[in-house]
């Protein structure tokens, strides 16, 4: 199975990790084109362009193996979000609920899995949990999960800014619903 995400190009950018990609020979060429387009659209000054270049290049360099990363960059001067999508062999030893964080001992309160419907992959599960780190900072993490044939598809979003996460939640849900298969 190969995933295909029919995402909203006005909100999201696919973040490649290997080069060349889609006509871009290098990370620097891709980031220059992306930052140039955003700078033209929003009138960014040199310091904002430098910050945004470092941000998008860092996003690309930190992509995990097996990860398909999407960046919410519709208004990077207001909010940036990252969604990570994975297609993995099914963990037949694990219920789908465990893949969305139910039972996570780091959660500050019980995590409840809820049905997630309306997407191209069919019915799945989602759950949101709040995790407190050693310094007392609370972060929010949401997983969306589907088991299709012998594959698990996961989308993961985390943020230490709870208000930003809540503001972007409808866009995260829309991206999750846009995940489908290429076949």
C-alpha atoms as a PDB file:
ATOM      1  CA  UNK A   1       0.000   0.000   0.000  1.00  0.00           C
ATOM      2  CA  UNK A   2       1.274   3.449  -0.834  1.00  0.00           C
ATOM      3  CA  UNK A   3      -0.187   6.502   0.837  1.00  0.00           C
ATOM      4  CA  UNK A   4      -1.395   9.549  -1.034  1.00  0.00           C
ATOM      5  CA  UNK A   5      -2.380  12.686   0.859  1.00  0.00           C
ATOM      6  CA  UNK A   6      -4.743  15.002  -0.998  1.00  0.00           C
ATOM      7  CA  UNK A   7      -3.835  17.961   1.212  1.00  0.00           C
ATOM      8  CA  UNK A   8      -4.829  21.622   1.035  1.00  0.00           C
ATOM      9  CA  UNK A   9      -1.858  23.324  -0.658  1.00  0.00           C
ATOM     10  CA  UNK A  10      -2.927  26.700   0.746  1.00  0.00           C
ATOM     11  CA  UNK A  11      -2.322  25.426   4.297  1.00  0.00           C
ATOM     12  CA  UNK A  12       0.215  22.610   4.126  1.00  0.00           C
ATOM     13  CA  UNK A  13       3.621  21.971   2.591  1.00  0.00           C
ATOM     14  CA  UNK A  14       5.121  18.518   2.213  1.00  0.00           C
ATOM     15  CA  UNK A  15       8.566  18.515   3.831  1.00  0.00           C
ATOM     16  CA  UNK A  16      10.952  16.286   1.859  1.00  0.00           C
ATOM     17  CA  UNK A  17      13.950  14.653   3.499  1.00  0.00           C
ATOM     18  CA  UNK A  18      15.858  13.351   0.493  1.00  0.00           C
ATOM     19  CA  UNK A  19      17.233  15.213  -2.480  1.00  0.00           C
ATOM     20  CA  UNK A  20      16.724  15.717  -5.332  1.00  0.00           C
ATOM     21  CA  UNK A  21      12.971  16.014  -4.881  1.00  0.00           C
ATOM     22  CA  UNK A  22      10.303  17.283  -7.309  1.00  0.00           C
ATOM     23  CA  UNK A  23      12.782  19.263  -9.388  1.00  0.00           C
ATOM     24  CA  UNK A  24      14.679  20.706  -6.424  1.00  0.00           C
ATOM     25  CA  UNK A  25      18.308  19.595  -6.425  1.00  0.00           C
ATOM     26  CA  UNK A  26      18.965  20.390  -2.779  1.00  0.00           C
ATOM     27  CA  UNK A  27      17.423  21.369   0.531  1.00  0.00           C
ATOM     28  CA  UNK A  28      18.774  24.874   0.092  1.00  0.00           C
ATOM     29  CA  UNK A  29      17.164  25.255  -3.330  1.00  0.00           C
ATOM     30  CA  UNK A  30      13.795  24.039  -1.971  1.00  0.00           C
ATOM     31  CA  UNK A  31      13.915  26.248   1.127  1.00  0.00           C
ATOM     32  CA  UNK A  32      14.929  29.267  -0.943  1.00  0.00           C
ATOM     33  CA  UNK A  33      11.929  28.818  -3.244  1.00  0.00           C
ATOM     34  CA  UNK A  34       9.541  28.225  -0.325  1.00  0.00           C
ATOM     35  CA  UNK A  35      10.804  31.114   1.794  1.00  0.00           C
ATOM     36  CA  UNK A  36      10.869  33.371  -1.275  1.00  0.00           C
ATOM     37  CA  UNK A  37       7.218  32.628  -2.047  1.00  0.00           C
ATOM     38  CA  UNK A  38       6.146  33.196   1.572  1.00  0.00           C
ATOM     39  CA  UNK A  39       8.238  36.369   1.794  1.00  0.00           C
ATOM     40  CA  UNK A  40       6.665  37.730  -1.368  1.00  0.00           C
ATOM     41  CA  UNK A  41       3.172  36.912  -0.079  1.00  0.00           C
ATOM     42  CA  UNK A  42       3.672  38.454   3.371  1.00  0.00           C
ATOM     43  CA  UNK A  43       6.399  41.045   2.848  1.00  0.00           C
ATOM     44  CA  UNK A  44       8.888  39.432   5.241  1.00  0.00           C
ATOM     45  CA  UNK A  45      12.046  41.325   6.084  1.00  0.00           C
ATOM     46  CA  UNK A  46      15.533  39.781   6.074  1.00  0.00           C
ATOM     47  CA  UNK A  47      15.422  38.621   9.697  1.00  0.00           C
ATOM     48  CA  UNK A  48      12.085  36.844   9.180  1.00  0.00           C
ATOM     49  CA  UNK A  49      13.399  35.230   5.992  1.00  0.00           C
ATOM     50  CA  UNK A  50      16.498  34.014   7.862  1.00  0.00           C
ATOM     51  CA  UNK A  51      14.386  32.604  10.708  1.00  0.00           C
ATOM     52  CA  UNK A  52      11.974  30.906   8.304  1.00  0.00           C
ATOM     53  CA  UNK A  53      14.849  29.430   6.267  1.00  0.00           C
ATOM     54  CA  UNK A  54      16.385  27.943   9.414  1.00  0.00           C
ATOM     55  CA  UNK A  55      12.967  26.633  10.484  1.00  0.00           C
ATOM     56  CA  UNK A  56      12.034  24.869   7.241  1.00  0.00           C
ATOM     57  CA  UNK A  57      15.541  23.482   6.760  1.00  0.00           C
ATOM     58  CA  UNK A  58      15.465  22.167  10.325  1.00  0.00           C
ATOM     59  CA  UNK A  59      12.097  20.541   9.640  1.00  0.00           C
ATOM     60  CA  UNK A  60      13.586  18.696   6.674  1.00  0.00           C
ATOM     61  CA  UNK A  61      16.767  17.631   8.420  1.00  0.00           C
ATOM     62  CA  UNK A  62      14.857  16.131  11.368  1.00  0.00           C
ATOM     63  CA  UNK A  63      12.435  13.928   9.414  1.00  0.00           C
ATOM     64  CA  UNK A  64      12.442  10.395  10.881  1.00  0.00           C
ATOM     65  CA  UNK A  65      12.806   7.214   8.874  1.00  0.00           C
ATOM     66  CA  UNK A  66       9.409   6.130   7.534  1.00  0.00           C
ATOM     67  CA  UNK A  67       7.954   9.606   8.259  1.00  0.00           C
ATOM     68  CA  UNK A  68       6.019  11.748   5.808  1.00  0.00           C
ATOM     69  CA  UNK A  69       6.131  15.234   7.300  1.00  0.00           C
ATOM     70  CA  UNK A  70       3.749  18.060   6.545  1.00  0.00           C
ATOM     71  CA  UNK A  71       4.208  21.625   7.761  1.00  0.00           C
ATOM     72  CA  UNK A  72       1.338  24.014   8.353  1.00  0.00           C
ATOM     73  CA  UNK A  73       2.756  27.161   6.769  1.00  0.00           C
ATOM     74  CA  UNK A  74      -0.242  29.191   5.647  1.00  0.00           C
ATOM     75  CA  UNK A  75       0.728  32.041   8.014  1.00  0.00           C
ATOM     76  CA  UNK A  76       4.152  31.183   9.464  1.00  0.00           C
ATOM     77  CA  UNK A  77       4.365  34.559  11.218  1.00  0.00           C
ATOM     78  CA  UNK A  78       1.282  33.532  13.254  1.00  0.00           C
ATOM     79  CA  UNK A  79       1.460  29.737  13.615  1.00  0.00           C
ATOM     80  CA  UNK A  80       3.477  26.782  12.402  1.00  0.00           C
ATOM     81  CA  UNK A  81       2.447  23.192  12.905  1.00  0.00           C
ATOM     82  CA  UNK A  82       3.940  19.835  12.003  1.00  0.00           C
ATOM     83  CA  UNK A  83       2.052  16.630  11.266  1.00  0.00           C
ATOM     84  CA  UNK A  84       3.910  13.339  10.898  1.00  0.00           C
ATOM     85  CA  UNK A  85       2.363  10.466   8.954  1.00  0.00           C
ATOM     86  CA  UNK A  86       3.677   6.908   9.123  1.00  0.00           C
ATOM     87  CA  UNK A  87       2.762   3.750   7.220  1.00  0.00           C
ATOM     88  CA  UNK A  88       4.073   0.756   9.152  1.00  0.00           C
ATOM     89  CA  UNK A  89       3.599  -2.999   9.306  1.00  0.00           C
ATOM     90  CA  UNK A  90       0.518  -3.723  11.407  1.00  0.00           C
ATOM     91  CA  UNK A  91       1.263  -4.348  15.062  1.00  0.00           C
ATOM     92  CA  UNK A  92      -1.051  -7.296  15.352  1.00  0.00           C
ATOM     93  CA  UNK A  93      -0.012  -7.660  18.996  1.00  0.00           C
ATOM     94  CA  UNK A  94      -1.461  -4.206  19.760  1.00  0.00           C
ATOM     95  CA  UNK A  95      -4.975  -2.896  19.669  1.00  0.00           C
ATOM     96  CA  UNK A  96      -5.474   0.257  17.646  1.00  0.00           C
ATOM     97  CA  UNK A  97      -6.338   2.079  20.898  1.00  0.00           C
ATOM     98  CA  UNK A  98      -2.810   1.529  22.212  1.00  0.00           C
ATOM     99  CA  UNK A  99      -1.421   3.109  19.025  1.00  0.00           C
ATOM    100  CA  UNK A 100      -3.261   6.356  19.790  1.00  0.00           C
ATOM    101  CA  UNK A 101      -1.846   6.566  23.314  1.00  0.00           C
ATOM    102  CA  UNK A 102      -4.529   4.965  25.464  1.00  0.00           C
ATOM    103  CA  UNK A 103      -2.761   3.731  28.566  1.00  0.00           C
ATOM    104  CA  UNK A 104       0.231   6.088  28.207  1.00  0.00           C
ATOM    105  CA  UNK A 105       1.594   6.365  31.774  1.00  0.00           C
ATOM    106  CA  UNK A 106       2.896   9.883  31.045  1.00  0.00           C
ATOM    107  CA  UNK A 107      -0.627  11.240  30.445  1.00  0.00           C
ATOM    108  CA  UNK A 108      -1.871  13.676  33.071  1.00  0.00           C
ATOM    109  CA  UNK A 109      -5.388  12.217  32.863  1.00  0.00           C
ATOM    110  CA  UNK A 110      -6.996   9.125  31.297  1.00  0.00           C
ATOM    111  CA  UNK A 111      -6.780   9.020  27.497  1.00  0.00           C
ATOM    112  CA  UNK A 112      -9.995   8.120  25.692  1.00  0.00           C
ATOM    113  CA  UNK A 113      -9.910   6.841  22.106  1.00  0.00           C
ATOM    114  CA  UNK A 114     -12.704   8.143  19.902  1.00  0.00           C
ATOM    115  CA  UNK A 115     -13.866   7.051  16.451  1.00  0.00           C
ATOM    116  CA  UNK A 116     -12.476   9.123  13.605  1.00  0.00           C
ATOM    117  CA  UNK A 117     -14.637   9.094  10.499  1.00  0.00           C
ATOM    118  CA  UNK A 118     -15.105  10.822   7.188  1.00  0.00           C
ATOM    119  CA  UNK A 119     -11.642  10.248   5.830  1.00  0.00           C
ATOM    120  CA  UNK A 120     -10.321   8.544   2.722  1.00  0.00           C
ATOM    121  CA  UNK A 121      -8.887   5.660   4.763  1.00  0.00           C
ATOM    122  CA  UNK A 122     -12.247   4.841   6.320  1.00  0.00           C
ATOM    123  CA  UNK A 123     -12.975   4.603  10.030  1.00  0.00           C
ATOM    124  CA  UNK A 124     -10.088   4.951  12.447  1.00  0.00           C
ATOM    125  CA  UNK A 125      -9.398   6.118  15.973  1.00  0.00           C
ATOM    126  CA  UNK A 126      -8.052   9.310  17.457  1.00  0.00           C
ATOM    127  CA  UNK A 127      -7.022  10.318  20.952  1.00  0.00           C
ATOM    128  CA  UNK A 128      -5.506  13.373  22.547  1.00  0.00           C
ATOM    129  CA  UNK A 129      -3.377  13.275  25.650  1.00  0.00           C
ATOM    130  CA  UNK A 130      -1.627  15.863  27.754  1.00  0.00           C
ATOM    131  CA  UNK A 131       1.860  14.998  28.954  1.00  0.00           C
ATOM    132  CA  UNK A 132       3.853  16.780  31.656  1.00  0.00           C
ATOM    133  CA  UNK A 133       7.636  16.806  31.297  1.00  0.00           C
ATOM    134  CA  UNK A 134      10.235  16.946  34.103  1.00  0.00           C
ATOM    135  CA  UNK A 135      10.089  20.754  34.145  1.00  0.00           C
ATOM    136  CA  UNK A 136       6.309  20.780  34.564  1.00  0.00           C
ATOM    137  CA  UNK A 137       5.575  21.864  30.984  1.00  0.00           C
ATOM    138  CA  UNK A 138       2.361  20.356  29.630  1.00  0.00           C
ATOM    139  CA  UNK A 139       2.325  19.324  25.973  1.00  0.00           C
ATOM    140  CA  UNK A 140      -0.546  18.010  23.905  1.00  0.00           C
ATOM    141  CA  UNK A 141      -0.140  14.990  21.624  1.00  0.00           C
ATOM    142  CA  UNK A 142      -2.807  13.648  19.290  1.00  0.00           C
ATOM    143  CA  UNK A 143      -2.690  10.453  17.258  1.00  0.00           C
ATOM    144  CA  UNK A 144      -4.963   9.334  14.462  1.00  0.00           C
ATOM    145  CA  UNK A 145      -4.707   5.636  13.546  1.00  0.00           C
ATOM    146  CA  UNK A 146      -6.062   3.219  10.964  1.00  0.00           C
ATOM    147  CA  UNK A 147      -5.385  -0.484  10.425  1.00  0.00           C
ATOM    148  CA  UNK A 148      -5.702  -1.373   6.764  1.00  0.00           C
ATOM    149  CA  UNK A 149      -4.975  -4.915   5.708  1.00  0.00           C
ATOM    150  CA  UNK A 150      -1.564  -5.588   7.195  1.00  0.00           C
ATOM    151  CA  UNK A 151      -0.559  -1.944   7.632  1.00  0.00           C
ATOM    152  CA  UNK A 152      -0.994   0.627  10.382  1.00  0.00           C
ATOM    153  CA  UNK A 153      -1.264   4.243   9.334  1.00  0.00           C
ATOM    154  CA  UNK A 154      -0.564   6.828  12.023  1.00  0.00           C
ATOM    155  CA  UNK A 155      -0.675  10.607  12.016  1.00  0.00           C
ATOM    156  CA  UNK A 156       0.917  12.288  15.014  1.00  0.00           C
ATOM    157  CA  UNK A 157       0.842  15.932  16.088  1.00  0.00           C
ATOM    158  CA  UNK A 158       2.373  17.367  19.235  1.00  0.00           C
ATOM    159  CA  UNK A 159       2.636  20.893  20.558  1.00  0.00           C
ATOM    160  CA  UNK A 160       3.695  22.583  23.787  1.00  0.00           C
ATOM    161  CA  UNK A 161       1.401  25.521  22.928  1.00  0.00           C
ATOM    162  CA  UNK A 162      -2.067  24.231  23.829  1.00  0.00           C
ATOM    163  CA  UNK A 163      -3.898  27.260  22.415  1.00  0.00           C
ATOM    164  CA  UNK A 164      -2.096  26.983  19.080  1.00  0.00           C
ATOM    165  CA  UNK A 165      -2.889  23.274  18.913  1.00  0.00           C
ATOM    166  CA  UNK A 166      -6.589  23.930  19.564  1.00  0.00           C
ATOM    167  CA  UNK A 167      -6.658  26.670  16.923  1.00  0.00           C
ATOM    168  CA  UNK A 168      -5.099  24.326  14.344  1.00  0.00           C
ATOM    169  CA  UNK A 169      -7.049  21.192  15.359  1.00  0.00           C
ATOM    170  CA  UNK A 170      -9.645  21.515  12.557  1.00  0.00           C
ATOM    171  CA  UNK A 171      -6.799  21.733  10.020  1.00  0.00           C
ATOM    172  CA  UNK A 172      -5.097  18.686  11.557  1.00  0.00           C
ATOM    173  CA  UNK A 173      -8.370  16.743  11.351  1.00  0.00           C
ATOM    174  CA  UNK A 174      -8.808  17.815   7.717  1.00  0.00           C
ATOM    175  CA  UNK A 175      -5.287  16.635   6.901  1.00  0.00           C
ATOM    176  CA  UNK A 176      -5.989  13.280   8.585  1.00  0.00           C
ATOM    177  CA  UNK A 177      -9.142  12.918   6.484  1.00  0.00           C
ATOM    178  CA  UNK A 178      -7.085  13.669   3.335  1.00  0.00           C
ATOM    179  CA  UNK A 179      -4.849  10.603   3.816  1.00  0.00           C
ATOM    180  CA  UNK A 180      -5.687   7.852   1.362  1.00  0.00           C
ATOM    181  CA  UNK A 181      -4.055   5.169  -0.694  1.00  0.00           C
ATOM    182  CA  UNK A 182      -2.568   5.691  -4.127  1.00  0.00           C
ATOM    183  CA  UNK A 183      -4.071   2.503  -5.564  1.00  0.00           C
END
